[in-house]
Amino acid sequence: MPDKNYKKIVYYDLPKIHADLKIRWQYDGLKQSEFFRLLAHAYLEQDQRIVDLVHEYREKNKIQNKEKRKKTQKQYEKARDVESKFALGDAEVESIFDLLEKEHPDL
């Protein structure tokens, strides 16, 4: 059992979906927890494939109004532009913090 700092994430679905997922996970050599962690991390890291999938889902199911969805999409695009313009990937941001820490250890 994981230590008490972990939280359990649960949702309910149809038995057929559950069985099909188990078959696919076995076929792909994944554990259930690996699969959901993979998706959660990709979602939180704004993996473009997941962002697009979520956008399509929101549009198809009319989640939020069209104006809000469009505004959100523009914000994602703007963030990607800024990231590419300034070459601010995760590694670059981490190295900036490392440099700051070395120069100012008291921060």
PDB file of N, CA and C in Angstrom:
ATOM      1  N   MET A   1       0.851  -1.187   0.000  1.00  0.00           N
ATOM      2  CA  MET A   1       0.000   0.000   0.000  1.00  0.00           C
ATOM      3  C   MET A   1       0.891   1.243   0.000  1.00  0.00           C
ATOM      4  N   PRO A   2       0.550   2.234  -0.824  1.00  0.00           N
ATOM      5  CA  PRO A   2       1.364   3.458  -0.861  1.00  0.00           C
ATOM      6  C   PRO A   2       1.292   4.198   0.465  1.00  0.00           C
ATOM      7  N   ASP A   3       2.287   5.056   0.693  1.00  0.00           N
ATOM      8  CA  ASP A   3       2.270   5.783   1.953  1.00  0.00           C
ATOM      9  C   ASP A   3       1.092   6.751   1.997  1.00  0.00           C
ATOM     10  N   LYS A   4       0.848   7.311   3.169  1.00  0.00           N
ATOM     11  CA  LYS A   4      -0.357   8.114   3.392  1.00  0.00           C
ATOM     12  C   LYS A   4      -0.362   9.447   2.651  1.00  0.00           C
ATOM     13  N   ASN A   5       0.734   9.811   1.995  1.00  0.00           N
ATOM     14  CA  ASN A   5       0.768  11.057   1.239  1.00  0.00           C
ATOM     15  C   ASN A   5       0.120  10.924  -0.141  1.00  0.00           C
ATOM     16  N   TYR A   6      -0.215   9.715  -0.538  1.00  0.00           N
ATOM     17  CA  TYR A   6      -0.854   9.486  -1.824  1.00  0.00           C
ATOM     18  C   TYR A   6      -2.361   9.574  -1.686  1.00  0.00           C
ATOM     19  N   LYS A   7      -3.020   9.955  -2.752  1.00  0.00           N
ATOM     20  CA  LYS A   7      -4.481  10.002  -2.787  1.00  0.00           C
ATOM     21  C   LYS A   7      -4.971   9.010  -3.828  1.00  0.00           C
ATOM     22  N   LYS A   8      -6.074   8.374  -3.544  1.00  0.00           N
ATOM     23  CA  LYS A   8      -6.665   7.407  -4.448  1.00  0.00           C
ATOM     24  C   LYS A   8      -7.662   8.132  -5.347  1.00  0.00           C
ATOM     25  N   ILE A   9      -7.583   7.865  -6.643  1.00  0.00           N
ATOM     26  CA  ILE A   9      -8.501   8.458  -7.608  1.00  0.00           C
ATOM     27  C   ILE A   9      -9.356   7.329  -8.165  1.00  0.00           C
ATOM     28  N   VAL A  10     -10.664   7.493  -8.079  1.00  0.00           N
ATOM     29  CA  VAL A  10     -11.580   6.427  -8.475  1.00  0.00           C
ATOM     30  C   VAL A  10     -12.706   7.012  -9.326  1.00  0.00           C
ATOM     31  N   TYR A  11     -13.146   6.251 -10.308  1.00  0.00           N
ATOM     32  CA  TYR A  11     -14.363   6.602 -11.031  1.00  0.00           C
ATOM     33  C   TYR A  11     -15.075   5.309 -11.396  1.00  0.00           C
ATOM     34  N   TYR A  12     -16.329   5.416 -11.732  1.00  0.00           N
ATOM     35  CA  TYR A  12     -17.143   4.249 -12.049  1.00  0.00           C
ATOM     36  C   TYR A  12     -17.477   4.244 -13.530  1.00  0.00           C
ATOM     37  N   ASP A  13     -17.527   3.041 -14.111  1.00  0.00           N
ATOM     38  CA  ASP A  13     -17.896   2.892 -15.512  1.00  0.00           C
ATOM     39  C   ASP A  13     -18.596   1.549 -15.691  1.00  0.00           C
ATOM     40  N   LEU A  14     -19.044   1.294 -16.881  1.00  0.00           N
ATOM     41  CA  LEU A  14     -19.758   0.058 -17.192  1.00  0.00           C
ATOM     42  C   LEU A  14     -18.813  -1.146 -17.139  1.00  0.00           C
ATOM     43  N   PRO A  15     -19.336  -2.322 -16.768  1.00  0.00           N
ATOM     44  CA  PRO A  15     -18.502  -3.533 -16.715  1.00  0.00           C
ATOM     45  C   PRO A  15     -17.806  -3.840 -18.042  1.00  0.00           C
ATOM     46  N   LYS A  16     -18.460  -3.595 -19.175  1.00  0.00           N
ATOM     47  CA  LYS A  16     -17.862  -3.849 -20.486  1.00  0.00           C
ATOM     48  C   LYS A  16     -16.638  -2.958 -20.700  1.00  0.00           C
ATOM     49  N   ILE A  17     -16.737  -1.699 -20.319  1.00  0.00           N
ATOM     50  CA  ILE A  17     -15.607  -0.773 -20.443  1.00  0.00           C
ATOM     51  C   ILE A  17     -14.452  -1.265 -19.570  1.00  0.00           C
ATOM     52  N   HIS A  18     -14.762  -1.672 -18.362  1.00  0.00           N
ATOM     53  CA  HIS A  18     -13.740  -2.165 -17.435  1.00  0.00           C
ATOM     54  C   HIS A  18     -13.018  -3.378 -18.016  1.00  0.00           C
ATOM     55  N   ALA A  19     -13.794  -4.321 -18.543  1.00  0.00           N
ATOM     56  CA  ALA A  19     -13.199  -5.535 -19.125  1.00  0.00           C
ATOM     57  C   ALA A  19     -12.342  -5.186 -20.341  1.00  0.00           C
ATOM     58  N   ASP A  20     -12.856  -4.314 -21.207  1.00  0.00           N
ATOM     59  CA  ASP A  20     -12.089  -3.924 -22.395  1.00  0.00           C
ATOM     60  C   ASP A  20     -10.796  -3.208 -22.021  1.00  0.00           C
ATOM     61  N   LEU A  21     -10.856  -2.363 -21.004  1.00  0.00           N
ATOM     62  CA  LEU A  21      -9.648  -1.679 -20.546  1.00  0.00           C
ATOM     63  C   LEU A  21      -8.618  -2.681 -20.025  1.00  0.00           C
ATOM     64  N   LYS A  22      -9.074  -3.630 -19.236  1.00  0.00           N
ATOM     65  CA  LYS A  22      -8.145  -4.630 -18.694  1.00  0.00           C
ATOM     66  C   LYS A  22      -7.464  -5.407 -19.820  1.00  0.00           C
ATOM     67  N   ILE A  23      -8.228  -5.741 -20.849  1.00  0.00           N
ATOM     68  CA  ILE A  23      -7.656  -6.456 -21.990  1.00  0.00           C
ATOM     69  C   ILE A  23      -6.616  -5.588 -22.691  1.00  0.00           C
ATOM     70  N   ARG A  24      -6.929  -4.314 -22.933  1.00  0.00           N
ATOM     71  CA  ARG A  24      -5.996  -3.410 -23.612  1.00  0.00           C
ATOM     72  C   ARG A  24      -4.739  -3.183 -22.780  1.00  0.00           C
ATOM     73  N   TRP A  25      -4.918  -3.009 -21.457  1.00  0.00           N
ATOM     74  CA  TRP A  25      -3.745  -2.803 -20.598  1.00  0.00           C
ATOM     75  C   TRP A  25      -2.834  -4.019 -20.656  1.00  0.00           C
ATOM     76  N   GLN A  26      -3.431  -5.206 -20.605  1.00  0.00           N
ATOM     77  CA  GLN A  26      -2.634  -6.424 -20.669  1.00  0.00           C
ATOM     78  C   GLN A  26      -1.923  -6.515 -22.022  1.00  0.00           C
ATOM     79  N   TYR A  27      -2.629  -6.215 -23.088  1.00  0.00           N
ATOM     80  CA  TYR A  27      -2.048  -6.246 -24.430  1.00  0.00           C
ATOM     81  C   TYR A  27      -0.859  -5.285 -24.535  1.00  0.00           C
ATOM     82  N   ASP A  28      -1.000  -4.087 -23.948  1.00  0.00           N
ATOM     83  CA  ASP A  28       0.055  -3.075 -24.008  1.00  0.00           C
ATOM     84  C   ASP A  28       1.093  -3.212 -22.902  1.00  0.00           C
ATOM     85  N   GLY A  29       0.904  -4.182 -22.010  1.00  0.00           N
ATOM     86  CA  GLY A  29       1.870  -4.412 -20.937  1.00  0.00           C
ATOM     87  C   GLY A  29       1.848  -3.332 -19.873  1.00  0.00           C
ATOM     88  N   LEU A  30       0.687  -2.732 -19.661  1.00  0.00           N
ATOM     89  CA  LEU A  30       0.551  -1.662 -18.663  1.00  0.00           C
ATOM     90  C   LEU A  30      -0.283  -2.121 -17.484  1.00  0.00           C
ATOM     91  N   LYS A  31       0.025  -1.545 -16.352  1.00  0.00           N
ATOM     92  CA  LYS A  31      -0.832  -1.713 -15.183  1.00  0.00           C
ATOM     93  C   LYS A  31      -1.839  -0.571 -15.194  1.00  0.00           C
ATOM     94  N   GLN A  32      -2.951  -0.788 -14.524  1.00  0.00           N
ATOM     95  CA  GLN A  32      -3.987   0.238 -14.446  1.00  0.00           C
ATOM     96  C   GLN A  32      -3.413   1.544 -13.906  1.00  0.00           C
ATOM     97  N   SER A  33      -2.629   1.460 -12.855  1.00  0.00           N
ATOM     98  CA  SER A  33      -2.072   2.670 -12.240  1.00  0.00           C
ATOM     99  C   SER A  33      -1.115   3.383 -13.195  1.00  0.00           C
ATOM    100  N   GLU A  34      -0.315   2.616 -13.943  1.00  0.00           N
ATOM    101  CA  GLU A  34       0.597   3.230 -14.917  1.00  0.00           C
ATOM    102  C   GLU A  34      -0.178   4.003 -15.980  1.00  0.00           C
ATOM    103  N   PHE A  35      -1.253   3.393 -16.450  1.00  0.00           N
ATOM    104  CA  PHE A  35      -2.067   4.014 -17.484  1.00  0.00           C
ATOM    105  C   PHE A  35      -2.634   5.346 -17.016  1.00  0.00           C
ATOM    106  N   PHE A  36      -3.234   5.350 -15.825  1.00  0.00           N
ATOM    107  CA  PHE A  36      -3.856   6.584 -15.344  1.00  0.00           C
ATOM    108  C   PHE A  36      -2.816   7.634 -14.969  1.00  0.00           C
ATOM    109  N   ARG A  37      -1.672   7.209 -14.449  1.00  0.00           N
ATOM    110  CA  ARG A  37      -0.596   8.178 -14.182  1.00  0.00           C
ATOM    111  C   ARG A  37      -0.094   8.795 -15.484  1.00  0.00           C
ATOM    112  N   LEU A  38       0.054   7.960 -16.510  1.00  0.00           N
ATOM    113  CA  LEU A  38       0.479   8.439 -17.827  1.00  0.00           C
ATOM    114  C   LEU A  38      -0.458   9.541 -18.322  1.00  0.00           C
ATOM    115  N   LEU A  39      -1.746   9.268 -18.271  1.00  0.00           N
ATOM    116  CA  LEU A  39      -2.722  10.255 -18.740  1.00  0.00           C
ATOM    117  C   LEU A  39      -2.735  11.504 -17.862  1.00  0.00           C
ATOM    118  N   ALA A  40      -2.680  11.315 -16.545  1.00  0.00           N
ATOM    119  CA  ALA A  40      -2.713  12.455 -15.633  1.00  0.00           C
ATOM    120  C   ALA A  40      -1.509  13.362 -15.854  1.00  0.00           C
ATOM    121  N   HIS A  41      -0.329  12.776 -15.981  1.00  0.00           N
ATOM    122  CA  HIS A  41       0.881  13.578 -16.186  1.00  0.00           C
ATOM    123  C   HIS A  41       0.853  14.285 -17.541  1.00  0.00           C
ATOM    124  N   ALA A  42       0.402  13.590 -18.576  1.00  0.00           N
ATOM    125  CA  ALA A  42       0.307  14.205 -19.908  1.00  0.00           C
ATOM    126  C   ALA A  42      -0.677  15.370 -19.881  1.00  0.00           C
ATOM    127  N   TYR A  43      -1.770  15.206 -19.169  1.00  0.00           N
ATOM    128  CA  TYR A  43      -2.783  16.260 -19.049  1.00  0.00           C
ATOM    129  C   TYR A  43      -2.216  17.465 -18.299  1.00  0.00           C
ATOM    130  N   LEU A  44      -1.556  17.210 -17.186  1.00  0.00           N
ATOM    131  CA  LEU A  44      -1.002  18.301 -16.380  1.00  0.00           C
ATOM    132  C   LEU A  44       0.160  19.005 -17.075  1.00  0.00           C
ATOM    133  N   GLU A  45       0.914  18.262 -17.882  1.00  0.00           N
ATOM    134  CA  GLU A  45       2.041  18.853 -18.618  1.00  0.00           C
ATOM    135  C   GLU A  45       1.590  19.482 -19.931  1.00  0.00           C
ATOM    136  N   GLN A  46       0.285  19.478 -20.167  1.00  0.00           N
ATOM    137  CA  GLN A  46      -0.303  20.077 -21.367  1.00  0.00           C
ATOM    138  C   GLN A  46       0.239  19.460 -22.656  1.00  0.00           C
ATOM    139  N   ASP A  47       0.393  18.144 -22.645  1.00  0.00           N
ATOM    140  CA  ASP A  47       0.778  17.424 -23.858  1.00  0.00           C
ATOM    141  C   ASP A  47      -0.236  17.788 -24.941  1.00  0.00           C
ATOM    142  N   GLN A  48       0.259  18.218 -26.075  1.00  0.00           N
ATOM    143  CA  GLN A  48      -0.609  18.725 -27.137  1.00  0.00           C
ATOM    144  C   GLN A  48      -1.664  17.715 -27.559  1.00  0.00           C
ATOM    145  N   ARG A  49      -1.324  16.431 -27.547  1.00  0.00           N
ATOM    146  CA  ARG A  49      -2.291  15.406 -27.947  1.00  0.00           C
ATOM    147  C   ARG A  49      -3.462  15.356 -26.977  1.00  0.00           C
ATOM    148  N   ILE A  50      -3.183  15.505 -25.691  1.00  0.00           N
ATOM    149  CA  ILE A  50      -4.245  15.492 -24.686  1.00  0.00           C
ATOM    150  C   ILE A  50      -5.039  16.790 -24.739  1.00  0.00           C
ATOM    151  N   VAL A  51      -4.355  17.911 -24.916  1.00  0.00           N
ATOM    152  CA  VAL A  51      -5.028  19.206 -25.021  1.00  0.00           C
ATOM    153  C   VAL A  51      -6.036  19.163 -26.170  1.00  0.00           C
ATOM    154  N   ASP A  52      -5.607  18.635 -27.316  1.00  0.00           N
ATOM    155  CA  ASP A  52      -6.496  18.539 -28.476  1.00  0.00           C
ATOM    156  C   ASP A  52      -7.678  17.613 -28.188  1.00  0.00           C
ATOM    157  N   LEU A  53      -7.405  16.489 -27.550  1.00  0.00           N
ATOM    158  CA  LEU A  53      -8.463  15.541 -27.216  1.00  0.00           C
ATOM    159  C   LEU A  53      -9.495  16.169 -26.276  1.00  0.00           C
ATOM    160  N   VAL A  54      -9.027  16.868 -25.264  1.00  0.00           N
ATOM    161  CA  VAL A  54      -9.928  17.526 -24.306  1.00  0.00           C
ATOM    162  C   VAL A  54     -10.737  18.610 -25.015  1.00  0.00           C
ATOM    163  N   HIS A  55     -10.070  19.373 -25.877  1.00  0.00           N
ATOM    164  CA  HIS A  55     -10.778  20.421 -26.618  1.00  0.00           C
ATOM    165  C   HIS A  55     -11.893  19.819 -27.475  1.00  0.00           C
ATOM    166  N   GLU A  56     -11.584  18.744 -28.197  1.00  0.00           N
ATOM    167  CA  GLU A  56     -12.598  18.072 -29.022  1.00  0.00           C
ATOM    168  C   GLU A  56     -13.751  17.553 -28.161  1.00  0.00           C
ATOM    169  N   TYR A  57     -13.426  16.977 -27.012  1.00  0.00           N
ATOM    170  CA  TYR A  57     -14.452  16.449 -26.116  1.00  0.00           C
ATOM    171  C   TYR A  57     -15.362  17.575 -25.617  1.00  0.00           C
ATOM    172  N   ARG A  58     -14.731  18.686 -25.201  1.00  0.00           N
ATOM    173  CA  ARG A  58     -15.513  19.821 -24.699  1.00  0.00           C
ATOM    174  C   ARG A  58     -16.420  20.384 -25.793  1.00  0.00           C
ATOM    175  N   GLU A  59     -15.912  20.433 -27.004  1.00  0.00           N
ATOM    176  CA  GLU A  59     -16.705  20.949 -28.119  1.00  0.00           C
ATOM    177  C   GLU A  59     -17.866  20.007 -28.438  1.00  0.00           C
ATOM    178  N   LYS A  60     -17.571  18.728 -28.541  1.00  0.00           N
ATOM    179  CA  LYS A  60     -18.588  17.724 -28.880  1.00  0.00           C
ATOM    180  C   LYS A  60     -19.702  17.672 -27.835  1.00  0.00           C
ATOM    181  N   ASN A  61     -19.321  17.787 -26.569  1.00  0.00           N
ATOM    182  CA  ASN A  61     -20.292  17.667 -25.476  1.00  0.00           C
ATOM    183  C   ASN A  61     -20.778  19.021 -24.960  1.00  0.00           C
ATOM    184  N   LYS A  62     -20.442  20.080 -25.696  1.00  0.00           N
ATOM    185  CA  LYS A  62     -20.874  21.437 -25.371  1.00  0.00           C
ATOM    186  C   LYS A  62     -20.581  21.802 -23.913  1.00  0.00           C
ATOM    187  N   ILE A  63     -19.361  21.506 -23.505  1.00  0.00           N
ATOM    188  CA  ILE A  63     -18.904  21.871 -22.162  1.00  0.00           C
ATOM    189  C   ILE A  63     -18.359  23.284 -22.265  1.00  0.00           C
ATOM    190  N   GLN A  64     -18.888  24.165 -21.478  1.00  0.00           N
ATOM    191  CA  GLN A  64     -18.647  25.602 -21.552  1.00  0.00           C
ATOM    192  C   GLN A  64     -19.203  26.120 -22.875  1.00  0.00           C
ATOM    193  N   ASN A  65     -19.360  27.417 -22.954  1.00  0.00           N
ATOM    194  CA  ASN A  65     -19.897  27.950 -24.199  1.00  0.00           C
ATOM    195  C   ASN A  65     -18.789  28.111 -25.232  1.00  0.00           C
ATOM    196  N   LYS A  66     -19.196  28.338 -26.469  1.00  0.00           N
ATOM    197  CA  LYS A  66     -18.250  28.407 -27.589  1.00  0.00           C
ATOM    198  C   LYS A  66     -17.204  29.495 -27.361  1.00  0.00           C
ATOM    199  N   GLU A  67     -17.629  30.632 -26.832  1.00  0.00           N
ATOM    200  CA  GLU A  67     -16.708  31.750 -26.586  1.00  0.00           C
ATOM    201  C   GLU A  67     -15.642  31.376 -25.561  1.00  0.00           C
ATOM    202  N   LYS A  68     -16.041  30.710 -24.492  1.00  0.00           N
ATOM    203  CA  LYS A  68     -15.101  30.293 -23.446  1.00  0.00           C
ATOM    204  C   LYS A  68     -14.111  29.264 -23.998  1.00  0.00           C
ATOM    205  N   ARG A  69     -14.597  28.321 -24.784  1.00  0.00           N
ATOM    206  CA  ARG A  69     -13.708  27.310 -25.378  1.00  0.00           C
ATOM    207  C   ARG A  69     -12.693  27.961 -26.301  1.00  0.00           C
ATOM    208  N   LYS A  70     -13.159  28.933 -27.088  1.00  0.00           N
ATOM    209  CA  LYS A  70     -12.270  29.630 -28.013  1.00  0.00           C
ATOM    210  C   LYS A  70     -11.215  30.428 -27.241  1.00  0.00           C
ATOM    211  N   LYS A  71     -11.630  31.072 -26.174  1.00  0.00           N
ATOM    212  CA  LYS A  71     -10.705  31.849 -25.343  1.00  0.00           C
ATOM    213  C   LYS A  71      -9.643  30.937 -24.717  1.00  0.00           C
ATOM    214  N   THR A  72     -10.070  29.799 -24.212  1.00  0.00           N
ATOM    215  CA  THR A  72      -9.148  28.833 -23.617  1.00  0.00           C
ATOM    216  C   THR A  72      -8.155  28.338 -24.651  1.00  0.00           C
ATOM    217  N   GLN A  73      -8.645  28.033 -25.859  1.00  0.00           N
ATOM    218  CA  GLN A  73      -7.771  27.557 -26.931  1.00  0.00           C
ATOM    219  C   GLN A  73      -6.728  28.617 -27.279  1.00  0.00           C
ATOM    220  N   LYS A  74      -7.129  29.877 -27.326  1.00  0.00           N
ATOM    221  CA  LYS A  74      -6.183  30.963 -27.618  1.00  0.00           C
ATOM    222  C   LYS A  74      -5.129  31.082 -26.522  1.00  0.00           C
ATOM    223  N   GLN A  75      -5.530  30.876 -25.272  1.00  0.00           N
ATOM    224  CA  GLN A  75      -4.575  30.936 -24.168  1.00  0.00           C
ATOM    225  C   GLN A  75      -3.539  29.821 -24.286  1.00  0.00           C
ATOM    226  N   TYR A  76      -3.980  28.613 -24.646  1.00  0.00           N
ATOM    227  CA  TYR A  76      -3.039  27.509 -24.854  1.00  0.00           C
ATOM    228  C   TYR A  76      -2.055  27.850 -25.970  1.00  0.00           C
ATOM    229  N   GLU A  77      -2.579  28.392 -27.076  1.00  0.00           N
ATOM    230  CA  GLU A  77      -1.716  28.750 -28.204  1.00  0.00           C
ATOM    231  C   GLU A  77      -0.719  29.832 -27.810  1.00  0.00           C
ATOM    232  N   LYS A  78      -1.174  30.810 -27.063  1.00  0.00           N
ATOM    233  CA  LYS A  78      -0.293  31.898 -26.618  1.00  0.00           C
ATOM    234  C   LYS A  78       0.806  31.350 -25.703  1.00  0.00           C
ATOM    235  N   ALA A  79       0.445  30.447 -24.821  1.00  0.00           N
ATOM    236  CA  ALA A  79       1.430  29.846 -23.916  1.00  0.00           C
ATOM    237  C   ALA A  79       2.478  29.067 -24.706  1.00  0.00           C
ATOM    238  N   ARG A  80       2.045  28.311 -25.710  1.00  0.00           N
ATOM    239  CA  ARG A  80       2.993  27.565 -26.544  1.00  0.00           C
ATOM    240  C   ARG A  80       3.914  28.512 -27.312  1.00  0.00           C
ATOM    241  N   ASP A  81       3.358  29.605 -27.813  1.00  0.00           N
ATOM    242  CA  ASP A  81       4.168  30.590 -28.539  1.00  0.00           C
ATOM    243  C   ASP A  81       5.228  31.206 -27.641  1.00  0.00           C
ATOM    244  N   VAL A  82       4.840  31.595 -26.432  1.00  0.00           N
ATOM    245  CA  VAL A  82       5.788  32.187 -25.490  1.00  0.00           C
ATOM    246  C   VAL A  82       6.862  31.176 -25.127  1.00  0.00           C
ATOM    247  N   GLU A  83       6.446  29.936 -24.891  1.00  0.00           N
ATOM    248  CA  GLU A  83       7.404  28.880 -24.544  1.00  0.00           C
ATOM    249  C   GLU A  83       8.418  28.668 -25.660  1.00  0.00           C
ATOM    250  N   SER A  84       7.937  28.605 -26.901  1.00  0.00           N
ATOM    251  CA  SER A  84       8.868  28.385 -28.004  1.00  0.00           C
ATOM    252  C   SER A  84       9.703  29.631 -28.286  1.00  0.00           C
ATOM    253  N   LYS A  85       9.125  30.800 -28.145  1.00  0.00           N
ATOM    254  CA  LYS A  85       9.847  32.063 -28.397  1.00  0.00           C
ATOM    255  C   LYS A  85      11.025  32.225 -27.450  1.00  0.00           C
ATOM    256  N   PHE A  86      10.814  31.878 -26.200  1.00  0.00           N
ATOM    257  CA  PHE A  86      11.856  32.055 -25.193  1.00  0.00           C
ATOM    258  C   PHE A  86      12.561  30.747 -24.839  1.00  0.00           C
ATOM    259  N   ALA A  87      12.260  29.678 -25.567  1.00  0.00           N
ATOM    260  CA  ALA A  87      12.863  28.360 -25.325  1.00  0.00           C
ATOM    261  C   ALA A  87      12.745  27.967 -23.854  1.00  0.00           C
ATOM    262  N   LEU A  88      11.531  28.055 -23.342  1.00  0.00           N
ATOM    263  CA  LEU A  88      11.303  27.776 -21.930  1.00  0.00           C
ATOM    264  C   LEU A  88      10.633  26.416 -21.727  1.00  0.00           C
ATOM    265  N   GLY A  89      11.346  25.379 -22.051  1.00  0.00           N
ATOM    266  CA  GLY A  89      10.869  24.039 -21.742  1.00  0.00           C
ATOM    267  C   GLY A  89      11.138  23.742 -20.269  1.00  0.00           C
ATOM    268  N   ASP A  90      10.682  22.609 -19.797  1.00  0.00           N
ATOM    269  CA  ASP A  90      10.877  22.235 -18.389  1.00  0.00           C
ATOM    270  C   ASP A  90      12.349  22.217 -18.006  1.00  0.00           C
ATOM    271  N   ALA A  91      13.189  21.687 -18.881  1.00  0.00           N
ATOM    272  CA  ALA A  91      14.624  21.596 -18.582  1.00  0.00           C
ATOM    273  C   ALA A  91      15.243  22.982 -18.446  1.00  0.00           C
ATOM    274  N   GLU A  92      14.852  23.895 -19.332  1.00  0.00           N
ATOM    275  CA  GLU A  92      15.394  25.261 -19.280  1.00  0.00           C
ATOM    276  C   GLU A  92      14.949  25.995 -18.018  1.00  0.00           C
ATOM    277  N   VAL A  93      13.691  25.846 -17.673  1.00  0.00           N
ATOM    278  CA  VAL A  93      13.183  26.496 -16.458  1.00  0.00           C
ATOM    279  C   VAL A  93      13.901  25.942 -15.240  1.00  0.00           C
ATOM    280  N   GLU A  94      14.096  24.632 -15.201  1.00  0.00           N
ATOM    281  CA  GLU A  94      14.791  23.999 -14.078  1.00  0.00           C
ATOM    282  C   GLU A  94      16.222  24.505 -13.977  1.00  0.00           C
ATOM    283  N   SER A  95      16.896  24.650 -15.111  1.00  0.00           N
ATOM    284  CA  SER A  95      18.287  25.127 -15.076  1.00  0.00           C
ATOM    285  C   SER A  95      18.356  26.584 -14.616  1.00  0.00           C
ATOM    286  N   ILE A  96      17.356  27.381 -14.960  1.00  0.00           N
ATOM    287  CA  ILE A  96      17.311  28.773 -14.482  1.00  0.00           C
ATOM    288  C   ILE A  96      17.209  28.786 -12.959  1.00  0.00           C
ATOM    289  N   PHE A  97      16.340  27.945 -12.415  1.00  0.00           N
ATOM    290  CA  PHE A  97      16.193  27.889 -10.959  1.00  0.00           C
ATOM    291  C   PHE A  97      17.468  27.371 -10.297  1.00  0.00           C
ATOM    292  N   ASP A  98      18.135  26.424 -10.944  1.00  0.00           N
ATOM    293  CA  ASP A  98      19.406  25.917 -10.410  1.00  0.00           C
ATOM    294  C   ASP A  98      20.447  27.030 -10.354  1.00  0.00           C
ATOM    295  N   LEU A  99      20.540  27.833 -11.403  1.00  0.00           N
ATOM    296  CA  LEU A  99      21.485  28.955 -11.433  1.00  0.00           C
ATOM    297  C   LEU A  99      21.166  29.980 -10.344  1.00  0.00           C
ATOM    298  N   LEU A 100      19.892  30.296 -10.204  1.00  0.00           N
ATOM    299  CA  LEU A 100      19.484  31.251  -9.162  1.00  0.00           C
ATOM    300  C   LEU A 100      19.825  30.726  -7.775  1.00  0.00           C
ATOM    301  N   GLU A 101      19.623  29.441  -7.584  1.00  0.00           N
ATOM    302  CA  GLU A 101      19.914  28.829  -6.288  1.00  0.00           C
ATOM    303  C   GLU A 101      21.406  28.877  -5.977  1.00  0.00           C
ATOM    304  N   LYS A 102      22.231  28.648  -6.981  1.00  0.00           N
ATOM    305  CA  LYS A 102      23.685  28.699  -6.781  1.00  0.00           C
ATOM    306  C   LYS A 102      24.138  30.126  -6.463  1.00  0.00           C
ATOM    307  N   GLU A 103      23.582  31.100  -7.176  1.00  0.00           N
ATOM    308  CA  GLU A 103      23.995  32.485  -6.981  1.00  0.00           C
ATOM    309  C   GLU A 103      23.431  33.088  -5.702  1.00  0.00           C
ATOM    310  N   HIS A 104      22.245  32.631  -5.295  1.00  0.00           N
ATOM    311  CA  HIS A 104      21.577  33.180  -4.118  1.00  0.00           C
ATOM    312  C   HIS A 104      21.079  32.050  -3.214  1.00  0.00           C
ATOM    313  N   PRO A 105      21.976  31.356  -2.529  1.00  0.00           N
ATOM    314  CA  PRO A 105      21.557  30.217  -1.728  1.00  0.00           C
ATOM    315  C   PRO A 105      20.641  30.589  -0.564  1.00  0.00           C
ATOM    316  N   ASP A 106      20.618  31.865  -0.186  1.00  0.00           N
ATOM    317  CA  ASP A 106      19.792  32.306   0.937  1.00  0.00           C
ATOM    318  C   ASP A 106      18.321  32.479   0.569  1.00  0.00           C
ATOM    319  N   LEU A 107      17.968  32.360  -0.726  1.00  0.00           N
ATOM    320  CA  LEU A 107      16.573  32.550  -1.154  1.00  0.00           C
ATOM    321  C   LEU A 107      15.718  31.388  -0.770  1.00  0.00           C
TER     322      LEU A 107
END
